[in-house]
Amino acid sequence: MIDNWVDRFDVTRRVRDACLCLHVQRAARALARRFDNAFRPLALTNGQFSLLMSLNRPEPPTIGSVSQLLAMDRTTLTANLKPLERRGLIEIAVDKADKRNRRLALTRKGRTLLEKAVPIWEREHAALDRLLEPSGPDALRAQLRKLGAGYEKPKPR
């Protein structure tokens, strides 16, 4: 006889069917694979594309502002910057106004790569938008932004 509620399969099914975290993670992995495959001819991952695109600004952003935008801790961001810097796609420089900060800038090579990647991104998004119709990709984006707005940096333990 099963008397522990965790052992009940109906609870497992309910969590499987209702868990937003599970469904968002599954969708995120599927989207990541899709974009990784699409960007493969450019030797670029979806994460690298997002990171490069986050640097495409009039003024070079700080590491802190990019980590906040991407909801990524600074250590992880720094690790993700290194391969892009080695490829000559970005430059990391000391902030002239505050020597403790670093500024991130796309190089000419980085901008050229983004120019090649954006049409791929547009093609994939058009296909995804068609897949999500008629319920509306814009409604999904709005809901995801609402969920993402709750991101807070983890507190040190």
Protein backbone atom coordinates (compact mmCIF):
# COMPACT_ATOMS: atom_id res chain seq x y z
CA MET A 1 0.00 0.00 0.00
CA ILE A 2 1.30 3.42 -0.99
CA ASP A 3 0.74 6.00 1.71
CA ASN A 4 3.41 8.53 0.82
CA TRP A 5 2.00 11.20 -1.50
CA VAL A 6 5.33 11.46 -3.35
CA ASP A 7 4.95 7.83 -4.41
CA ARG A 8 1.60 8.50 -6.07
CA PHE A 9 1.90 8.62 -9.83
CA ASP A 10 -1.04 11.03 -10.11
CA VAL A 11 1.10 13.68 -8.39
CA THR A 12 3.92 12.99 -10.83
CA ARG A 13 1.54 13.39 -13.79
CA ARG A 14 0.11 16.61 -12.34
CA VAL A 15 3.58 18.11 -11.90
CA ARG A 16 4.64 16.87 -15.35
CA ASP A 17 1.62 18.47 -16.98
CA ALA A 18 1.49 21.73 -15.00
CA CYS A 19 5.10 22.64 -14.16
CA LEU A 20 5.95 25.91 -15.91
CA CYS A 21 9.63 25.50 -15.13
CA LEU A 22 9.72 22.08 -16.82
CA HIS A 23 7.89 23.29 -19.91
CA VAL A 24 9.94 26.47 -20.27
CA GLN A 25 13.19 24.48 -19.84
CA ARG A 26 12.11 21.93 -22.45
CA ALA A 27 11.11 24.68 -24.87
CA ALA A 28 14.37 26.55 -24.19
CA ARG A 29 16.44 23.44 -24.94
CA ALA A 30 14.49 22.79 -28.16
CA LEU A 31 14.91 26.41 -29.26
CA ALA A 32 18.60 26.36 -28.36
CA ARG A 33 19.15 23.24 -30.49
CA ARG A 34 17.22 24.79 -33.37
CA PHE A 35 19.28 27.99 -33.36
CA ASP A 36 22.55 26.15 -32.69
CA ASN A 37 21.89 24.10 -35.83
CA ALA A 38 20.94 27.18 -37.83
CA PHE A 39 24.05 29.13 -36.74
CA ARG A 40 26.42 26.15 -37.15
CA PRO A 41 27.68 27.30 -40.61
CA LEU A 42 28.94 30.46 -38.90
CA ALA A 43 30.62 28.49 -36.07
CA LEU A 44 28.28 30.31 -33.70
CA THR A 45 25.97 29.09 -30.94
CA ASN A 46 22.64 30.64 -30.04
CA GLY A 47 24.15 31.85 -26.76
CA GLN A 48 27.05 33.50 -28.56
CA PHE A 49 24.64 35.17 -30.97
CA SER A 50 22.63 36.59 -28.06
CA LEU A 51 25.79 37.75 -26.34
CA LEU A 52 27.17 39.41 -29.46
CA MET A 53 23.81 41.04 -30.15
CA SER A 54 23.72 42.39 -26.57
CA LEU A 55 26.95 44.26 -27.36
CA ASN A 56 25.53 45.88 -30.50
CA ARG A 57 24.95 49.28 -28.91
CA PRO A 58 26.00 52.86 -29.63
CA GLU A 59 28.32 52.79 -26.58
CA PRO A 60 30.19 49.73 -25.31
CA PRO A 61 28.28 48.32 -22.32
CA THR A 62 29.78 47.22 -19.03
CA ILE A 63 30.01 43.59 -18.04
CA GLY A 64 27.47 44.31 -15.30
CA SER A 65 24.84 45.71 -17.68
CA VAL A 66 25.26 42.78 -20.09
CA SER A 67 25.04 40.23 -17.29
CA GLN A 68 21.82 41.87 -16.11
CA LEU A 69 20.33 41.95 -19.62
CA LEU A 70 21.13 38.27 -20.21
CA ALA A 71 20.17 37.23 -16.64
CA MET A 72 23.63 35.70 -16.32
CA ASP A 73 26.03 35.99 -13.42
CA ARG A 74 29.27 37.87 -14.10
CA THR A 75 31.48 34.79 -13.74
CA THR A 76 29.49 32.85 -16.34
CA LEU A 77 29.41 35.87 -18.64
CA THR A 78 33.18 36.30 -18.36
CA ALA A 79 33.70 32.63 -19.23
CA ASN A 80 31.42 33.05 -22.27
CA LEU A 81 33.29 36.15 -23.42
CA LYS A 82 36.69 34.44 -23.62
CA PRO A 83 36.07 32.37 -26.79
CA LEU A 84 34.57 35.41 -28.52
CA GLU A 85 37.60 37.48 -27.58
CA ARG A 86 39.98 34.74 -28.81
CA ARG A 87 38.13 34.70 -32.16
CA GLY A 88 38.59 38.47 -32.43
CA LEU A 89 34.84 39.14 -32.31
CA ILE A 90 34.90 41.35 -29.22
CA GLU A 91 37.27 43.57 -27.30
CA ILE A 92 37.30 43.95 -23.53
CA ALA A 93 38.68 47.27 -22.28
CA VAL A 94 39.03 49.05 -18.96
CA ASP A 95 36.27 51.61 -18.41
CA LYS A 96 37.89 55.05 -18.57
CA ALA A 97 35.39 56.48 -16.06
CA ASP A 98 35.78 53.65 -13.53
CA LYS A 99 38.90 51.50 -13.74
CA ARG A 100 37.18 48.70 -11.81
CA ASN A 101 34.72 48.12 -14.68
CA ARG A 102 35.26 46.57 -18.08
CA ARG A 103 33.56 47.66 -21.28
CA LEU A 104 32.66 45.22 -24.04
CA ALA A 105 32.74 46.14 -27.72
CA LEU A 106 32.15 44.33 -30.97
CA THR A 107 35.08 44.35 -33.36
CA ARG A 108 34.68 44.80 -37.10
CA LYS A 109 34.90 41.01 -37.40
CA GLY A 110 32.16 40.65 -34.76
CA ARG A 111 29.87 43.07 -36.59
CA THR A 112 30.46 41.24 -39.87
CA LEU A 113 29.53 37.94 -38.24
CA LEU A 114 26.35 39.48 -36.80
CA GLU A 115 25.45 40.78 -40.27
CA LYS A 116 25.61 37.19 -41.52
CA ALA A 117 23.76 35.79 -38.50
CA VAL A 118 20.78 38.16 -38.41
CA PRO A 119 19.15 36.82 -41.62
CA ILE A 120 19.44 33.30 -40.17
CA TRP A 121 17.84 34.50 -36.95
CA GLU A 122 15.06 36.24 -38.92
CA ARG A 123 14.36 33.10 -40.99
CA GLU A 124 14.16 30.89 -37.90
CA HIS A 125 11.93 33.36 -36.07
CA ALA A 126 9.58 33.64 -39.01
CA ALA A 127 9.23 29.85 -38.98
CA LEU A 128 8.63 29.85 -35.23
CA ASP A 129 6.04 32.62 -35.53
CA ARG A 130 4.16 30.56 -38.13
CA LEU A 131 4.34 27.56 -35.81
CA LEU A 132 2.83 29.57 -32.94
CA GLU A 133 -0.04 31.08 -34.93
CA PRO A 134 -2.92 31.66 -34.36
CA SER A 135 -2.38 31.86 -30.60
CA GLY A 136 0.18 34.55 -31.19
CA PRO A 137 3.92 34.65 -30.72
CA ASP A 138 3.70 38.22 -29.41
CA ALA A 139 1.49 37.09 -26.51
CA LEU A 140 4.02 34.38 -25.66
CA ARG A 141 6.89 36.87 -25.81
CA ALA A 142 5.01 39.23 -23.49
CA GLN A 143 4.35 36.46 -20.98
CA LEU A 144 7.98 35.29 -21.09
CA ARG A 145 9.20 38.87 -20.56
CA LYS A 146 6.88 39.10 -17.55
CA LEU A 147 8.35 35.90 -16.12
CA GLY A 148 11.89 37.05 -16.88
CA ALA A 149 11.35 40.41 -15.22
CA GLY A 150 11.32 38.59 -11.91
CA TYR A 151 14.95 37.57 -12.32
CA GLU A 152 17.12 38.56 -9.42
CA LYS A 153 20.77 37.87 -8.96
CA PRO A 154 21.31 34.94 -6.62
CA LYS A 155 22.38 36.02 -3.17
CA PRO A 156 25.77 34.72 -2.00
CA ARG A 157 25.50 31.78 0.37
